[in-house]
C-alpha cells in the first residue's frame, strides 16, 4: 500500500512521502525480479474518509469525481488485482484518488 504522497506532498511530510515513494519504486523493481510467476502491484489511495467523518461540500468538490473516497473504493481495486482476470497487470501503481492528483487546486 503506497499513497498519493509518493506523487505530491504537503509541508512536514518528508518521511511519510519518502517511504511511500519507496514502495512505488519497490513495486516495479520486485515485478521485474519476481515475474513472470509473481505479479507485484501497489495501490496509492488519496483522500479516503475511513472514519466516516462529516465533510463539507467543498471537501468533495476538490475531487474530479465530486466526492471524497471511501474504503470500498480501495477494496474494489484490490479485489480486481487479486482476481485471475488481472494476470497481465504487474509493476503498476494504481492511484485511487477521485482524480485529485490530476487537478490543480489553489485554496483562497
N, C-alpha and C. Protein backbone atom coordinates (compact mmCIF):
# COMPACT_ATOMS: atom_id res chain seq x y z
N UNK A 1 0.85 -1.17 0.00
CA UNK A 1 0.00 0.00 0.00
C UNK A 1 0.90 1.23 0.00
N UNK A 2 0.77 2.00 -1.05
CA UNK A 2 1.53 3.25 -1.14
C UNK A 2 0.58 4.40 -0.79
N UNK A 3 0.75 5.54 -1.41
CA UNK A 3 -0.10 6.70 -1.14
C UNK A 3 0.15 7.73 -2.23
N UNK A 4 -0.82 8.62 -2.42
CA UNK A 4 -0.59 9.72 -3.35
C UNK A 4 0.51 10.65 -2.84
N UNK A 5 0.90 10.50 -1.60
CA UNK A 5 2.03 11.28 -1.07
C UNK A 5 3.34 10.93 -1.78
N UNK A 6 3.37 9.82 -2.48
CA UNK A 6 4.54 9.49 -3.30
C UNK A 6 4.63 10.41 -4.50
N UNK A 7 3.52 11.06 -4.86
CA UNK A 7 3.45 11.89 -6.06
C UNK A 7 3.32 13.37 -5.77
N UNK A 8 2.82 13.72 -4.60
CA UNK A 8 2.66 15.12 -4.21
C UNK A 8 2.75 15.20 -2.69
N UNK A 9 3.16 16.34 -2.19
CA UNK A 9 3.41 16.45 -0.75
C UNK A 9 2.84 17.71 -0.16
N UNK A 10 2.74 17.70 1.15
CA UNK A 10 2.46 18.88 1.96
C UNK A 10 3.68 19.09 2.84
N UNK A 11 3.77 20.27 3.42
CA UNK A 11 4.89 20.58 4.31
C UNK A 11 4.96 19.59 5.46
N UNK A 12 6.17 19.25 5.85
CA UNK A 12 6.44 18.40 7.00
C UNK A 12 5.97 16.95 6.84
N UNK A 13 5.93 16.47 5.61
CA UNK A 13 5.56 15.06 5.37
C UNK A 13 6.71 14.31 4.69
N UNK A 14 7.93 14.78 4.89
CA UNK A 14 9.08 14.21 4.17
C UNK A 14 9.24 12.71 4.40
N UNK A 15 9.24 12.28 5.64
CA UNK A 15 9.47 10.86 5.93
C UNK A 15 8.35 10.00 5.35
N UNK A 16 7.13 10.41 5.55
CA UNK A 16 5.99 9.64 5.03
C UNK A 16 6.03 9.60 3.51
N UNK A 17 6.24 10.75 2.88
CA UNK A 17 6.28 10.81 1.42
C UNK A 17 7.41 9.96 0.86
N UNK A 18 8.57 10.00 1.50
CA UNK A 18 9.71 9.23 1.02
C UNK A 18 9.45 7.72 1.13
N UNK A 19 8.83 7.28 2.21
CA UNK A 19 8.56 5.85 2.34
C UNK A 19 7.52 5.39 1.32
N UNK A 20 6.53 6.21 1.05
CA UNK A 20 5.52 5.84 0.06
C UNK A 20 6.12 5.84 -1.35
N UNK A 21 7.02 6.77 -1.62
CA UNK A 21 7.74 6.74 -2.90
C UNK A 21 8.60 5.50 -3.02
N UNK A 22 9.19 5.09 -1.91
CA UNK A 22 9.99 3.86 -1.90
C UNK A 22 9.15 2.63 -2.22
N UNK A 23 7.91 2.61 -1.74
CA UNK A 23 7.03 1.48 -2.04
C UNK A 23 6.72 1.43 -3.53
N UNK A 24 6.49 2.59 -4.14
CA UNK A 24 6.21 2.62 -5.58
C UNK A 24 7.42 2.09 -6.36
N UNK A 25 8.62 2.51 -5.99
CA UNK A 25 9.83 2.03 -6.65
C UNK A 25 10.06 0.54 -6.39
N UNK A 26 9.84 0.12 -5.17
CA UNK A 26 9.98 -1.29 -4.83
C UNK A 26 9.01 -2.15 -5.63
N UNK A 27 7.83 -1.62 -5.89
CA UNK A 27 6.83 -2.36 -6.66
C UNK A 27 7.34 -2.72 -8.04
N UNK A 28 7.85 -1.74 -8.77
CA UNK A 28 8.30 -2.08 -10.13
C UNK A 28 9.58 -2.89 -10.11
N UNK A 29 10.45 -2.67 -9.12
CA UNK A 29 11.67 -3.47 -9.03
C UNK A 29 11.35 -4.94 -8.73
N UNK A 30 10.42 -5.17 -7.80
CA UNK A 30 10.04 -6.55 -7.48
C UNK A 30 9.31 -7.22 -8.64
N UNK A 31 8.51 -6.44 -9.37
CA UNK A 31 7.81 -7.02 -10.53
C UNK A 31 8.82 -7.55 -11.54
N UNK A 32 9.90 -6.83 -11.75
CA UNK A 32 10.94 -7.27 -12.68
C UNK A 32 11.66 -8.50 -12.13
N UNK A 33 11.98 -8.49 -10.85
CA UNK A 33 12.73 -9.59 -10.24
C UNK A 33 11.91 -10.86 -10.08
N UNK A 34 10.64 -10.75 -9.79
CA UNK A 34 9.82 -11.91 -9.45
C UNK A 34 8.95 -12.43 -10.59
N UNK A 35 8.83 -11.64 -11.66
CA UNK A 35 8.00 -12.09 -12.78
C UNK A 35 8.68 -13.17 -13.57
N UNK A 36 7.96 -13.96 -14.31
CA UNK A 36 6.53 -13.85 -14.56
C UNK A 36 5.65 -14.58 -13.56
N UNK A 37 6.24 -15.34 -12.65
CA UNK A 37 5.44 -16.16 -11.74
C UNK A 37 4.62 -15.32 -10.76
N UNK A 38 5.22 -14.24 -10.26
CA UNK A 38 4.56 -13.43 -9.23
C UNK A 38 4.29 -12.05 -9.79
N UNK A 39 3.07 -11.58 -9.62
CA UNK A 39 2.68 -10.23 -10.03
C UNK A 39 2.80 -9.30 -8.83
N UNK A 40 3.35 -8.13 -9.03
CA UNK A 40 3.54 -7.16 -7.95
C UNK A 40 2.96 -5.82 -8.39
N UNK A 41 2.02 -5.32 -7.63
CA UNK A 41 1.41 -4.02 -7.88
C UNK A 41 1.22 -3.30 -6.56
N UNK A 42 1.00 -2.00 -6.61
CA UNK A 42 0.67 -1.27 -5.39
C UNK A 42 -0.52 -0.34 -5.65
N UNK A 43 -1.15 0.05 -4.58
CA UNK A 43 -2.29 0.94 -4.62
C UNK A 43 -1.92 2.21 -3.84
N UNK A 44 -2.20 3.35 -4.45
CA UNK A 44 -1.93 4.65 -3.82
C UNK A 44 -3.25 5.38 -3.59
N UNK A 45 -3.82 5.21 -2.41
CA UNK A 45 -5.05 5.95 -2.11
C UNK A 45 -4.76 7.44 -1.94
N UNK A 46 -5.75 8.22 -2.29
CA UNK A 46 -5.72 9.65 -2.00
C UNK A 46 -6.49 9.89 -0.71
N UNK A 47 -7.32 10.91 -0.71
CA UNK A 47 -8.12 11.27 0.45
C UNK A 47 -9.23 10.25 0.61
N UNK A 48 -9.13 9.43 1.64
CA UNK A 48 -10.12 8.40 1.93
C UNK A 48 -10.74 8.70 3.30
N UNK A 49 -12.03 8.83 3.33
CA UNK A 49 -12.75 9.10 4.57
C UNK A 49 -13.02 7.76 5.28
N UNK A 50 -12.00 7.24 5.90
CA UNK A 50 -12.08 5.91 6.52
C UNK A 50 -12.87 5.91 7.82
N UNK A 51 -13.06 7.06 8.42
CA UNK A 51 -13.77 7.13 9.71
C UNK A 51 -15.16 7.72 9.57
N UNK A 52 -15.62 7.88 8.33
CA UNK A 52 -16.96 8.42 8.06
C UNK A 52 -17.20 9.77 8.70
N UNK A 53 -16.19 10.62 8.67
CA UNK A 53 -16.33 11.98 9.18
C UNK A 53 -17.34 12.75 8.33
N UNK A 54 -17.96 13.74 8.92
CA UNK A 54 -18.84 14.64 8.18
C UNK A 54 -17.94 15.63 7.45
N UNK A 55 -18.04 15.65 6.14
CA UNK A 55 -17.19 16.51 5.32
C UNK A 55 -18.03 17.58 4.64
N UNK A 56 -17.40 18.69 4.35
CA UNK A 56 -18.10 19.79 3.70
C UNK A 56 -18.24 19.54 2.20
N UNK A 57 -19.14 20.27 1.58
CA UNK A 57 -19.32 20.17 0.13
C UNK A 57 -18.03 20.58 -0.58
N UNK A 58 -17.32 21.56 -0.04
CA UNK A 58 -16.06 21.97 -0.68
C UNK A 58 -15.00 20.89 -0.59
N UNK A 59 -15.03 20.06 0.46
CA UNK A 59 -14.13 18.91 0.53
C UNK A 59 -14.37 17.99 -0.65
N UNK A 60 -15.62 17.69 -0.91
CA UNK A 60 -15.98 16.80 -2.01
C UNK A 60 -15.69 17.43 -3.37
N UNK A 61 -15.93 18.71 -3.51
CA UNK A 61 -15.76 19.38 -4.80
C UNK A 61 -14.31 19.51 -5.24
N UNK A 62 -13.37 19.28 -4.34
CA UNK A 62 -11.95 19.31 -4.72
C UNK A 62 -11.59 18.15 -5.65
N UNK A 63 -12.42 17.12 -5.66
CA UNK A 63 -12.15 15.92 -6.45
C UNK A 63 -12.88 15.98 -7.78
N UNK A 64 -12.23 15.54 -8.84
CA UNK A 64 -12.87 15.47 -10.15
C UNK A 64 -14.11 14.58 -10.08
N UNK A 65 -14.06 13.54 -9.28
CA UNK A 65 -15.19 12.61 -9.13
C UNK A 65 -16.36 13.24 -8.37
N UNK A 66 -16.13 14.38 -7.72
CA UNK A 66 -17.19 15.06 -6.98
C UNK A 66 -17.38 14.58 -5.56
N UNK A 67 -16.48 13.72 -5.10
CA UNK A 67 -16.61 13.23 -3.73
C UNK A 67 -15.26 12.75 -3.21
N UNK A 68 -15.14 12.74 -1.89
CA UNK A 68 -14.01 12.14 -1.20
C UNK A 68 -14.20 10.63 -1.25
N UNK A 69 -13.11 9.88 -1.31
CA UNK A 69 -13.19 8.43 -1.39
C UNK A 69 -13.59 7.77 -0.09
N UNK A 70 -13.91 6.49 -0.19
CA UNK A 70 -14.22 5.69 0.99
C UNK A 70 -13.46 4.37 0.89
N UNK A 71 -13.50 3.61 1.93
CA UNK A 71 -12.71 2.37 1.97
C UNK A 71 -13.15 1.37 0.91
N UNK A 72 -14.43 1.38 0.53
CA UNK A 72 -14.88 0.47 -0.52
C UNK A 72 -14.19 0.77 -1.85
N UNK A 73 -13.88 2.03 -2.11
CA UNK A 73 -13.18 2.38 -3.35
C UNK A 73 -11.83 1.69 -3.44
N UNK A 74 -11.14 1.59 -2.33
CA UNK A 74 -9.83 0.94 -2.30
C UNK A 74 -10.00 -0.58 -2.37
N UNK A 75 -10.93 -1.11 -1.61
CA UNK A 75 -11.17 -2.56 -1.60
C UNK A 75 -11.52 -3.08 -2.99
N UNK A 76 -12.29 -2.33 -3.75
CA UNK A 76 -12.69 -2.77 -5.08
C UNK A 76 -11.49 -2.90 -6.02
N UNK A 77 -10.54 -1.99 -5.91
CA UNK A 77 -9.34 -2.08 -6.75
C UNK A 77 -8.49 -3.28 -6.33
N UNK A 78 -8.37 -3.50 -5.04
CA UNK A 78 -7.60 -4.65 -4.56
C UNK A 78 -8.27 -5.95 -5.00
N UNK A 79 -9.58 -6.02 -4.94
CA UNK A 79 -10.29 -7.20 -5.43
C UNK A 79 -9.99 -7.44 -6.91
N UNK A 80 -9.96 -6.38 -7.70
CA UNK A 80 -9.63 -6.51 -9.11
C UNK A 80 -8.23 -7.09 -9.28
N UNK A 81 -7.27 -6.60 -8.50
CA UNK A 81 -5.88 -7.03 -8.66
C UNK A 81 -5.64 -8.47 -8.22
N UNK A 82 -6.45 -9.00 -7.33
CA UNK A 82 -6.23 -10.38 -6.89
C UNK A 82 -7.05 -11.39 -7.69
N UNK A 83 -7.91 -10.93 -8.59
CA UNK A 83 -8.69 -11.88 -9.37
C UNK A 83 -7.85 -12.43 -10.53
N UNK A 84 -8.25 -13.56 -11.04
CA UNK A 84 -7.48 -14.23 -12.10
C UNK A 84 -7.47 -13.44 -13.41
N UNK A 85 -8.45 -12.59 -13.63
CA UNK A 85 -8.50 -11.81 -14.87
C UNK A 85 -7.46 -10.70 -14.93
N UNK A 86 -6.76 -10.45 -13.84
CA UNK A 86 -5.76 -9.38 -13.82
C UNK A 86 -4.34 -9.91 -14.00
N UNK A 87 -4.20 -11.09 -14.56
CA UNK A 87 -2.90 -11.74 -14.68
C UNK A 87 -1.88 -11.04 -15.55
N UNK A 88 -2.31 -10.08 -16.36
CA UNK A 88 -1.38 -9.36 -17.24
C UNK A 88 -0.97 -8.02 -16.64
N UNK A 89 -1.39 -7.75 -15.40
CA UNK A 89 -1.07 -6.48 -14.73
C UNK A 89 0.03 -6.73 -13.72
N UNK A 90 1.15 -6.06 -13.91
CA UNK A 90 2.24 -6.17 -12.93
C UNK A 90 3.12 -4.93 -13.01
N UNK A 91 3.73 -4.59 -11.88
CA UNK A 91 4.63 -3.45 -11.81
C UNK A 91 3.94 -2.10 -11.80
N UNK A 92 2.65 -2.08 -11.51
CA UNK A 92 1.88 -0.85 -11.63
C UNK A 92 1.53 -0.24 -10.27
N UNK A 93 1.39 1.07 -10.28
CA UNK A 93 0.91 1.84 -9.13
C UNK A 93 -0.47 2.36 -9.48
N UNK A 94 -1.48 1.91 -8.78
CA UNK A 94 -2.85 2.33 -9.04
C UNK A 94 -3.21 3.48 -8.12
N UNK A 95 -3.35 4.67 -8.69
CA UNK A 95 -3.71 5.86 -7.94
C UNK A 95 -5.23 5.93 -7.86
N UNK A 96 -5.76 5.84 -6.65
CA UNK A 96 -7.20 5.84 -6.41
C UNK A 96 -7.51 7.07 -5.57
N UNK A 97 -7.80 8.17 -6.28
CA UNK A 97 -7.94 9.45 -5.58
C UNK A 97 -9.04 10.35 -6.13
N UNK A 98 -9.95 9.78 -6.90
CA UNK A 98 -11.03 10.59 -7.45
C UNK A 98 -10.55 11.68 -8.39
N UNK A 99 -9.35 11.50 -8.92
CA UNK A 99 -8.78 12.46 -9.86
C UNK A 99 -8.06 13.64 -9.21
N UNK A 100 -7.92 13.62 -7.90
CA UNK A 100 -7.36 14.78 -7.19
C UNK A 100 -5.94 15.11 -7.63
N UNK A 101 -5.10 14.13 -7.91
CA UNK A 101 -3.72 14.43 -8.31
C UNK A 101 -3.64 14.97 -9.73
N UNK A 102 -4.73 14.96 -10.46
CA UNK A 102 -4.75 15.49 -11.82
C UNK A 102 -5.27 16.91 -11.91
N UNK A 103 -5.73 17.45 -10.79
CA UNK A 103 -6.38 18.76 -10.78
C UNK A 103 -5.56 19.71 -9.91
N UNK A 104 -5.22 20.86 -10.47
CA UNK A 104 -4.52 21.88 -9.67
C UNK A 104 -5.53 22.59 -8.80
N UNK A 105 -5.26 22.66 -7.51
CA UNK A 105 -6.16 23.28 -6.55
C UNK A 105 -5.41 24.37 -5.80
N UNK A 106 -5.95 25.56 -5.82
CA UNK A 106 -5.38 26.67 -5.08
C UNK A 106 -6.42 27.15 -4.06
N UNK A 107 -6.14 26.98 -2.79
CA UNK A 107 -7.06 27.45 -1.78
C UNK A 107 -6.92 28.95 -1.64
N UNK A 108 -8.03 29.60 -1.37
CA UNK A 108 -8.02 31.07 -1.24
C UNK A 108 -7.85 31.49 0.19
